Amino acid sequence: GTYTKAWRGIKNRITTPDGLRQEYQVAVDGIRSRAKIRLLQGTTDIYAHGQSQLIASGNTWNPRPAFQSYSAYTAALAKSNNEHLLGANAPDNIVFRLETIDGRLPSLDDGASWASLLALYRLEAAENDWLYLRKRDGARPAAAGPIVKEGRFSMRETVPVPDSPVAVFASISIRPSLRGRVMGILYKPGPLQITLNLSDGTSRTRRLISGMASAGFLMSPWIESTEDFGT
């Protein structure tokens, strides 16, 4: 099979020298037609992932350092992505869709950047489950609000989130106890989870990534879909 494929590849290069380029273009056209992303003026980045869709759309890609949100799994990576939004080379447009993996808390993915996205960009359109954000003229970074609650808490402890007329962001630094560190050496620990009890009496349990949680993320209101983020 290895030699047969190699021979076919050599034969195709000789008989149809432009064949690979044609196949590539067909693939790109297919991605473009499925994604249906607008052609935007200026530079553009896409959240949370889907870079192939943005590239296929013909837009000028201006990527953040960790260019797929689920891969910014440490506080340093998450903060570096946020600094890109705050810098002079920030993209003019953001194509946004809320999408995560592994059952994570949705607001963890690039959660440290959400305050900057909300402060520096305005919603211009929503279509095909994409939000189109455009950089505001003269916008300033979001100022940190007052700390409404802080403290040390134990696992499985319920921590009330104070009522607030504005969004509440949280930063959670998780440190295992001595017993926990010993158990982590002897056994493979299970994934961390967080349960949010909502005001309507329901609850949501999602996976928590400690590095992302320490960088900061939106705790309230509960955002579960692209539409939620847009409103």
C-alpha atoms as a PDB file:
ATOM      1  CA  GLY A   1       0.000   0.000   0.000  1.00  0.00           C
ATOM      2  CA  THR A   2       2.815   2.403   0.818  1.00  0.00           C
ATOM      3  CA  TYR A   3       4.505   1.907  -2.557  1.00  0.00           C
ATOM      4  CA  THR A   4       1.198   1.958  -4.451  1.00  0.00           C
ATOM      5  CA  LYS A   5       0.245   5.332  -2.957  1.00  0.00           C
ATOM      6  CA  ALA A   6       3.715   6.709  -3.688  1.00  0.00           C
ATOM      7  CA  TRP A   7       3.460   5.574  -7.314  1.00  0.00           C
ATOM      8  CA  ARG A   8       0.003   7.125  -7.680  1.00  0.00           C
ATOM      9  CA  GLY A   9       1.345  10.357  -6.236  1.00  0.00           C
ATOM     10  CA  ILE A  10       4.246  10.436  -8.713  1.00  0.00           C
ATOM     11  CA  LYS A  11       1.909   9.578 -11.592  1.00  0.00           C
ATOM     12  CA  ASN A  12      -0.540  12.333 -10.636  1.00  0.00           C
ATOM     13  CA  ARG A  13       2.253  14.888 -10.389  1.00  0.00           C
ATOM     14  CA  ILE A  14       3.382  14.008 -13.920  1.00  0.00           C
ATOM     15  CA  THR A  15       0.026  13.613 -15.661  1.00  0.00           C
ATOM     16  CA  THR A  16      -1.925  16.320 -13.780  1.00  0.00           C
ATOM     17  CA  PRO A  17       0.654  18.735 -12.357  1.00  0.00           C
ATOM     18  CA  ASP A  18      -2.057  21.124 -11.189  1.00  0.00           C
ATOM     19  CA  GLY A  19      -4.150  18.376  -9.585  1.00  0.00           C
ATOM     20  CA  LEU A  20      -3.142  19.006  -5.965  1.00  0.00           C
ATOM     21  CA  ARG A  21      -3.874  22.717  -6.256  1.00  0.00           C
ATOM     22  CA  GLN A  22      -7.278  21.924  -7.738  1.00  0.00           C
ATOM     23  CA  GLU A  23      -8.076  19.479  -4.925  1.00  0.00           C
ATOM     24  CA  TYR A  24      -6.982  22.062  -2.373  1.00  0.00           C
ATOM     25  CA  GLN A  25      -9.211  24.714  -3.911  1.00  0.00           C
ATOM     26  CA  VAL A  26     -12.195  22.349  -3.912  1.00  0.00           C
ATOM     27  CA  ALA A  27     -11.610  21.663  -0.208  1.00  0.00           C
ATOM     28  CA  VAL A  28     -11.315  25.391   0.597  1.00  0.00           C
ATOM     29  CA  ASP A  29     -14.483  26.183  -1.351  1.00  0.00           C
ATOM     30  CA  GLY A  30     -16.318  23.474   0.581  1.00  0.00           C
ATOM     31  CA  ILE A  31     -15.217  24.894   3.943  1.00  0.00           C
ATOM     32  CA  ARG A  32     -16.206  28.406   2.845  1.00  0.00           C
ATOM     33  CA  SER A  33     -19.679  27.369   1.728  1.00  0.00           C
ATOM     34  CA  ARG A  34     -20.383  25.502   4.974  1.00  0.00           C
ATOM     35  CA  ALA A  35     -19.039  28.193   7.333  1.00  0.00           C
ATOM     36  CA  LYS A  36     -20.691  31.157   5.600  1.00  0.00           C
ATOM     37  CA  ILE A  37     -18.401  33.737   7.237  1.00  0.00           C
ATOM     38  CA  ARG A  38     -18.626  37.318   5.963  1.00  0.00           C
ATOM     39  CA  LEU A  39     -15.729  39.024   4.244  1.00  0.00           C
ATOM     40  CA  LEU A  40     -14.757  41.824   6.631  1.00  0.00           C
ATOM     41  CA  GLN A  41     -12.713  44.991   6.289  1.00  0.00           C
ATOM     42  CA  GLY A  42      -9.428  44.985   8.184  1.00  0.00           C
ATOM     43  CA  THR A  43      -7.886  42.121  10.151  1.00  0.00           C
ATOM     44  CA  THR A  44      -9.919  39.415  11.836  1.00  0.00           C
ATOM     45  CA  ASP A  45      -9.564  36.746  14.508  1.00  0.00           C
ATOM     46  CA  ILE A  46     -11.976  33.915  15.300  1.00  0.00           C
ATOM     47  CA  TYR A  47     -13.085  32.561  18.676  1.00  0.00           C
ATOM     48  CA  ALA A  48     -13.155  29.937  20.026  1.00  0.00           C
ATOM     49  CA  HIS A  49     -11.630  27.830  17.239  1.00  0.00           C
ATOM     50  CA  GLY A  50     -12.313  27.234  13.561  1.00  0.00           C
ATOM     51  CA  GLN A  51      -9.284  28.881  12.017  1.00  0.00           C
ATOM     52  CA  SER A  52      -9.677  26.882   8.802  1.00  0.00           C
ATOM     53  CA  GLN A  53     -13.113  28.426   8.358  1.00  0.00           C
ATOM     54  CA  LEU A  54     -11.754  31.938   8.758  1.00  0.00           C
ATOM     55  CA  ILE A  55      -8.845  31.327   6.378  1.00  0.00           C
ATOM     56  CA  ALA A  56     -11.165  29.786   3.779  1.00  0.00           C
ATOM     57  CA  SER A  57     -13.446  32.837   3.998  1.00  0.00           C
ATOM     58  CA  GLY A  58     -10.728  35.045   2.499  1.00  0.00           C
ATOM     59  CA  ASN A  59     -10.417  37.311   5.541  1.00  0.00           C
ATOM     60  CA  THR A  60      -7.031  38.564   6.748  1.00  0.00           C
ATOM     61  CA  TRP A  61      -6.276  36.484   9.833  1.00  0.00           C
ATOM     62  CA  ASN A  62      -4.734  38.240  12.841  1.00  0.00           C
ATOM     63  CA  PRO A  63      -4.205  35.399  15.344  1.00  0.00           C
ATOM     64  CA  ARG A  64      -3.718  35.654  19.083  1.00  0.00           C
ATOM     65  CA  PRO A  65      -0.687  33.847  20.594  1.00  0.00           C
ATOM     66  CA  ALA A  66      -2.615  30.697  21.632  1.00  0.00           C
ATOM     67  CA  PHE A  67      -4.854  30.843  18.582  1.00  0.00           C
ATOM     68  CA  GLN A  68      -7.393  28.207  19.678  1.00  0.00           C
ATOM     69  CA  SER A  69      -9.173  29.098  22.892  1.00  0.00           C
ATOM     70  CA  TYR A  70      -9.314  25.593  24.355  1.00  0.00           C
ATOM     71  CA  SER A  71      -5.512  25.376  24.128  1.00  0.00           C
ATOM     72  CA  ALA A  72      -4.982  28.462  26.323  1.00  0.00           C
ATOM     73  CA  TYR A  73      -5.136  26.181  29.355  1.00  0.00           C
ATOM     74  CA  THR A  74      -2.666  28.019  31.605  1.00  0.00           C
ATOM     75  CA  ALA A  75      -2.976  31.435  33.203  1.00  0.00           C
ATOM     76  CA  ALA A  76       0.069  32.677  31.249  1.00  0.00           C
ATOM     77  CA  LEU A  77      -1.430  31.674  27.887  1.00  0.00           C
ATOM     78  CA  ALA A  78      -4.832  33.138  28.734  1.00  0.00           C
ATOM     79  CA  LYS A  79      -3.284  36.446  29.829  1.00  0.00           C
ATOM     80  CA  SER A  80      -1.099  36.566  26.718  1.00  0.00           C
ATOM     81  CA  ASN A  81      -4.208  36.272  24.538  1.00  0.00           C
ATOM     82  CA  ASN A  82      -5.857  39.089  26.464  1.00  0.00           C
ATOM     83  CA  GLU A  83      -2.787  41.297  26.063  1.00  0.00           C
ATOM     84  CA  HIS A  84      -3.050  40.781  22.296  1.00  0.00           C
ATOM     85  CA  LEU A  85      -6.529  42.326  22.382  1.00  0.00           C
ATOM     86  CA  LEU A  86      -5.221  45.253  24.418  1.00  0.00           C
ATOM     87  CA  GLY A  87      -2.226  45.901  22.162  1.00  0.00           C
ATOM     88  CA  ALA A  88      -1.745  48.034  19.073  1.00  0.00           C
ATOM     89  CA  ASN A  89      -1.915  44.956  16.826  1.00  0.00           C
ATOM     90  CA  ALA A  90      -5.370  43.878  18.027  1.00  0.00           C
ATOM     91  CA  PRO A  91      -7.691  42.600  15.267  1.00  0.00           C
ATOM     92  CA  ASP A  92     -10.251  44.981  13.790  1.00  0.00           C
ATOM     93  CA  ASN A  93     -12.914  42.270  13.831  1.00  0.00           C
ATOM     94  CA  ILE A  94     -13.796  39.237  15.901  1.00  0.00           C
ATOM     95  CA  VAL A  95     -15.874  36.351  14.568  1.00  0.00           C
ATOM     96  CA  PHE A  96     -17.242  34.690  17.704  1.00  0.00           C
ATOM     97  CA  ARG A  97     -18.973  31.408  18.450  1.00  0.00           C
ATOM     98  CA  LEU A  98     -19.262  29.826  21.883  1.00  0.00           C
ATOM     99  CA  GLU A  99     -17.874  26.317  21.561  1.00  0.00           C
ATOM    100  CA  THR A 100     -15.897  24.272  24.023  1.00  0.00           C
ATOM    101  CA  ILE A 101     -14.673  20.703  24.480  1.00  0.00           C
ATOM    102  CA  ASP A 102     -14.644  17.998  27.147  1.00  0.00           C
ATOM    103  CA  GLY A 103     -17.730  19.326  28.923  1.00  0.00           C
ATOM    104  CA  ARG A 104     -15.876  22.384  30.195  1.00  0.00           C
ATOM    105  CA  LEU A 105     -17.472  25.424  31.737  1.00  0.00           C
ATOM    106  CA  PRO A 106     -18.150  27.479  28.566  1.00  0.00           C
ATOM    107  CA  SER A 107     -16.779  30.764  29.900  1.00  0.00           C
ATOM    108  CA  LEU A 108     -13.364  29.228  30.665  1.00  0.00           C
ATOM    109  CA  ASP A 109     -12.147  29.247  27.057  1.00  0.00           C
ATOM    110  CA  ASP A 110     -10.221  32.533  26.759  1.00  0.00           C
ATOM    111  CA  GLY A 111     -12.234  33.683  29.767  1.00  0.00           C
ATOM    112  CA  ALA A 112      -9.551  36.206  30.693  1.00  0.00           C
ATOM    113  CA  SER A 113     -10.302  37.980  27.382  1.00  0.00           C
ATOM    114  CA  TRP A 114     -14.071  38.242  27.748  1.00  0.00           C
ATOM    115  CA  ALA A 115     -14.026  41.550  29.633  1.00  0.00           C
ATOM    116  CA  SER A 116     -11.815  43.028  26.887  1.00  0.00           C
ATOM    117  CA  LEU A 117     -14.047  41.660  24.132  1.00  0.00           C
ATOM    118  CA  LEU A 118     -17.091  43.227  25.763  1.00  0.00           C
ATOM    119  CA  ALA A 119     -15.387  46.581  26.396  1.00  0.00           C
ATOM    120  CA  LEU A 120     -13.365  47.023  23.216  1.00  0.00           C
ATOM    121  CA  TYR A 121     -15.716  45.567  20.619  1.00  0.00           C
ATOM    122  CA  ARG A 122     -19.331  46.157  19.656  1.00  0.00           C
ATOM    123  CA  LEU A 123     -21.766  43.650  18.207  1.00  0.00           C
ATOM    124  CA  GLU A 124     -22.426  44.425  14.545  1.00  0.00           C
ATOM    125  CA  ALA A 125     -24.292  41.348  13.341  1.00  0.00           C
ATOM    126  CA  ALA A 126     -25.393  37.838  14.265  1.00  0.00           C
ATOM    127  CA  GLU A 127     -26.011  35.201  11.622  1.00  0.00           C
ATOM    128  CA  ASN A 128     -25.423  31.477  11.019  1.00  0.00           C
ATOM    129  CA  ASP A 129     -24.537  31.091  14.724  1.00  0.00           C
ATOM    130  CA  TRP A 130     -21.669  33.600  14.343  1.00  0.00           C
ATOM    131  CA  LEU A 131     -21.368  36.910  16.138  1.00  0.00           C
ATOM    132  CA  TYR A 132     -19.527  39.682  14.297  1.00  0.00           C
ATOM    133  CA  LEU A 133     -17.747  42.094  16.622  1.00  0.00           C
ATOM    134  CA  ARG A 134     -16.101  45.305  15.424  1.00  0.00           C
ATOM    135  CA  LYS A 135     -13.465  47.218  17.360  1.00  0.00           C
ATOM    136  CA  ARG A 136     -14.835  50.414  18.904  1.00  0.00           C
ATOM    137  CA  ASP A 137     -13.153  53.698  18.034  1.00  0.00           C
ATOM    138  CA  GLY A 138     -11.353  55.115  21.056  1.00  0.00           C
ATOM    139  CA  ALA A 139     -12.475  52.303  23.345  1.00  0.00           C
ATOM    140  CA  ARG A 140     -10.590  51.793  26.579  1.00  0.00           C
ATOM    141  CA  PRO A 141      -9.868  48.525  28.373  1.00  0.00           C
ATOM    142  CA  ALA A 142     -12.387  47.415  30.945  1.00  0.00           C
ATOM    143  CA  ALA A 143     -11.601  48.763  34.414  1.00  0.00           C
ATOM    144  CA  ALA A 144     -11.564  46.174  37.172  1.00  0.00           C
ATOM    145  CA  GLY A 145     -14.585  46.568  39.410  1.00  0.00           C
ATOM    146  CA  PRO A 146     -14.671  46.182  43.171  1.00  0.00           C
ATOM    147  CA  ILE A 147     -13.996  42.794  44.743  1.00  0.00           C
ATOM    148  CA  VAL A 148     -17.385  41.562  45.916  1.00  0.00           C
ATOM    149  CA  LYS A 149     -16.164  38.400  47.631  1.00  0.00           C
ATOM    150  CA  GLU A 150     -12.896  36.671  48.379  1.00  0.00           C
ATOM    151  CA  GLY A 151     -11.675  33.980  50.718  1.00  0.00           C
ATOM    152  CA  ARG A 152     -10.395  30.442  51.092  1.00  0.00           C
ATOM    153  CA  PHE A 153     -12.856  27.644  50.560  1.00  0.00           C
ATOM    154  CA  SER A 154     -12.828  23.864  50.623  1.00  0.00           C
ATOM    155  CA  MET A 155     -13.791  21.448  47.909  1.00  0.00           C
ATOM    156  CA  ARG A 156     -17.555  20.704  47.839  1.00  0.00           C
ATOM    157  CA  GLU A 157     -18.222  23.907  49.754  1.00  0.00           C
ATOM    158  CA  THR A 158     -21.024  26.095  48.387  1.00  0.00           C
ATOM    159  CA  VAL A 159     -19.906  29.677  47.825  1.00  0.00           C
ATOM    160  CA  PRO A 160     -22.705  32.238  47.307  1.00  0.00           C
ATOM    161  CA  VAL A 161     -22.132  34.690  44.453  1.00  0.00           C
ATOM    162  CA  PRO A 162     -23.316  38.172  45.503  1.00  0.00           C
ATOM    163  CA  ASP A 163     -26.090  39.779  43.477  1.00  0.00           C
ATOM    164  CA  SER A 164     -24.720  42.348  41.060  1.00  0.00           C
ATOM    165  CA  PRO A 165     -26.235  44.547  38.324  1.00  0.00           C
ATOM    166  CA  VAL A 166     -23.079  43.985  36.241  1.00  0.00           C
ATOM    167  CA  ALA A 167     -21.145  40.895  35.198  1.00  0.00           C
ATOM    168  CA  VAL A 168     -19.230  39.095  37.932  1.00  0.00           C
ATOM    169  CA  PHE A 169     -15.830  37.646  37.061  1.00  0.00           C
ATOM    170  CA  ALA A 170     -14.055  35.116  39.256  1.00  0.00           C
ATOM    171  CA  SER A 171     -10.493  33.933  39.653  1.00  0.00           C
ATOM    172  CA  ILE A 172     -10.070  30.586  41.403  1.00  0.00           C
ATOM    173  CA  SER A 173      -6.656  29.385  42.506  1.00  0.00           C
ATOM    174  CA  ILE A 174      -6.827  25.698  43.386  1.00  0.00           C
ATOM    175  CA  ARG A 175      -4.230  24.222  45.729  1.00  0.00           C
ATOM    176  CA  PRO A 176      -4.331  20.611  46.895  1.00  0.00           C
ATOM    177  CA  SER A 177      -3.841  19.849  50.557  1.00  0.00           C
ATOM    178  CA  LEU A 178      -0.946  17.705  51.777  1.00  0.00           C
ATOM    179  CA  ARG A 179      -3.242  14.695  51.731  1.00  0.00           C
ATOM    180  CA  GLY A 180      -4.349  15.608  48.226  1.00  0.00           C
ATOM    181  CA  ARG A 181      -0.766  15.864  46.981  1.00  0.00           C
ATOM    182  CA  VAL A 182       0.057  12.440  48.428  1.00  0.00           C
ATOM    183  CA  MET A 183      -3.055  10.918  46.858  1.00  0.00           C
ATOM    184  CA  GLY A 184      -2.104  12.533  43.547  1.00  0.00           C
ATOM    185  CA  ILE A 185       1.232  10.722  43.643  1.00  0.00           C
ATOM    186  CA  LEU A 186      -0.348   7.358  44.392  1.00  0.00           C
ATOM    187  CA  TYR A 187      -3.421   7.613  42.174  1.00  0.00           C
ATOM    188  CA  LYS A 188      -4.426   9.443  39.030  1.00  0.00           C
ATOM    189  CA  PRO A 189      -6.830  12.187  40.175  1.00  0.00           C
ATOM    190  CA  GLY A 190     -10.169  12.613  38.457  1.00  0.00           C
ATOM    191  CA  PRO A 191     -11.065  15.805  36.563  1.00  0.00           C
ATOM    192  CA  LEU A 192     -12.111  18.856  38.558  1.00  0.00           C
ATOM    193  CA  GLN A 193     -15.740  19.877  38.330  1.00  0.00           C
ATOM    194  CA  ILE A 194     -17.723  22.928  39.338  1.00  0.00           C
ATOM    195  CA  THR A 195     -21.461  23.106  39.956  1.00  0.00           C
ATOM    196  CA  LEU A 196     -23.272  26.406  39.470  1.00  0.00           C
ATOM    197  CA  ASN A 197     -26.640  26.828  41.157  1.00  0.00           C
ATOM    198  CA  LEU A 198     -28.698  29.251  39.085  1.00  0.00           C
ATOM    199  CA  SER A 199     -31.318  31.704  40.269  1.00  0.00           C
ATOM    200  CA  ASP A 200     -34.116  29.709  38.603  1.00  0.00           C
ATOM    201  CA  GLY A 201     -33.427  26.737  40.875  1.00  0.00           C
ATOM    202  CA  THR A 202     -31.557  24.646  38.310  1.00  0.00           C
ATOM    203  CA  SER A 203     -27.869  23.760  38.408  1.00  0.00           C
ATOM    204  CA  ARG A 204     -25.114  23.089  35.888  1.00  0.00           C
ATOM    205  CA  THR A 205     -22.082  20.873  36.495  1.00  0.00           C
ATOM    206  CA  ARG A 206     -19.140  21.380  34.175  1.00  0.00           C
ATOM    207  CA  ARG A 207     -15.468  20.496  34.016  1.00  0.00           C
ATOM    208  CA  LEU A 208     -13.091  23.061  35.556  1.00  0.00           C
ATOM    209  CA  ILE A 209      -9.550  23.586  34.217  1.00  0.00           C
ATOM    210  CA  SER A 210      -7.472  24.987  37.069  1.00  0.00           C
ATOM    211  CA  GLY A 211      -5.078  27.035  34.894  1.00  0.00           C
ATOM    212  CA  MET A 212      -7.961  28.716  33.088  1.00  0.00           C
ATOM    213  CA  ALA A 213      -9.859  29.316  36.330  1.00  0.00           C
ATOM    214  CA  SER A 214      -6.897  31.110  37.900  1.00  0.00           C
ATOM    215  CA  ALA A 215      -6.645  33.495  34.923  1.00  0.00           C
ATOM    216  CA  GLY A 216     -10.222  34.695  35.453  1.00  0.00           C
ATOM    217  CA  PHE A 217     -13.565  33.918  33.830  1.00  0.00           C
ATOM    218  CA  LEU A 218     -17.176  35.078  33.791  1.00  0.00           C
ATOM    219  CA  MET A 219     -19.081  33.597  36.717  1.00  0.00           C
ATOM    220  CA  SER A 220     -22.378  35.467  36.412  1.00  0.00           C
ATOM    221  CA  PRO A 221     -24.566  35.702  34.400  1.00  0.00           C
ATOM    222  CA  TRP A 222     -24.634  32.139  33.112  1.00  0.00           C
ATOM    223  CA  ILE A 223     -23.573  32.004  29.442  1.00  0.00           C
ATOM    224  CA  GLU A 224     -24.271  28.732  27.649  1.00  0.00           C
ATOM    225  CA  SER A 225     -24.661  29.646  23.972  1.00  0.00           C
ATOM    226  CA  THR A 226     -23.488  32.094  21.330  1.00  0.00           C
ATOM    227  CA  GLU A 227     -26.844  33.851  21.579  1.00  0.00           C
ATOM    228  CA  ASP A 228     -26.371  34.286  25.346  1.00  0.00           C
ATOM    229  CA  PHE A 229     -23.025  36.002  24.768  1.00  0.00           C
ATOM    230  CA  GLY A 230     -24.538  38.330  22.169  1.00  0.00           C
ATOM    231  CA  THR A 231     -27.286  39.508  24.502  1.00  0.00           C
END
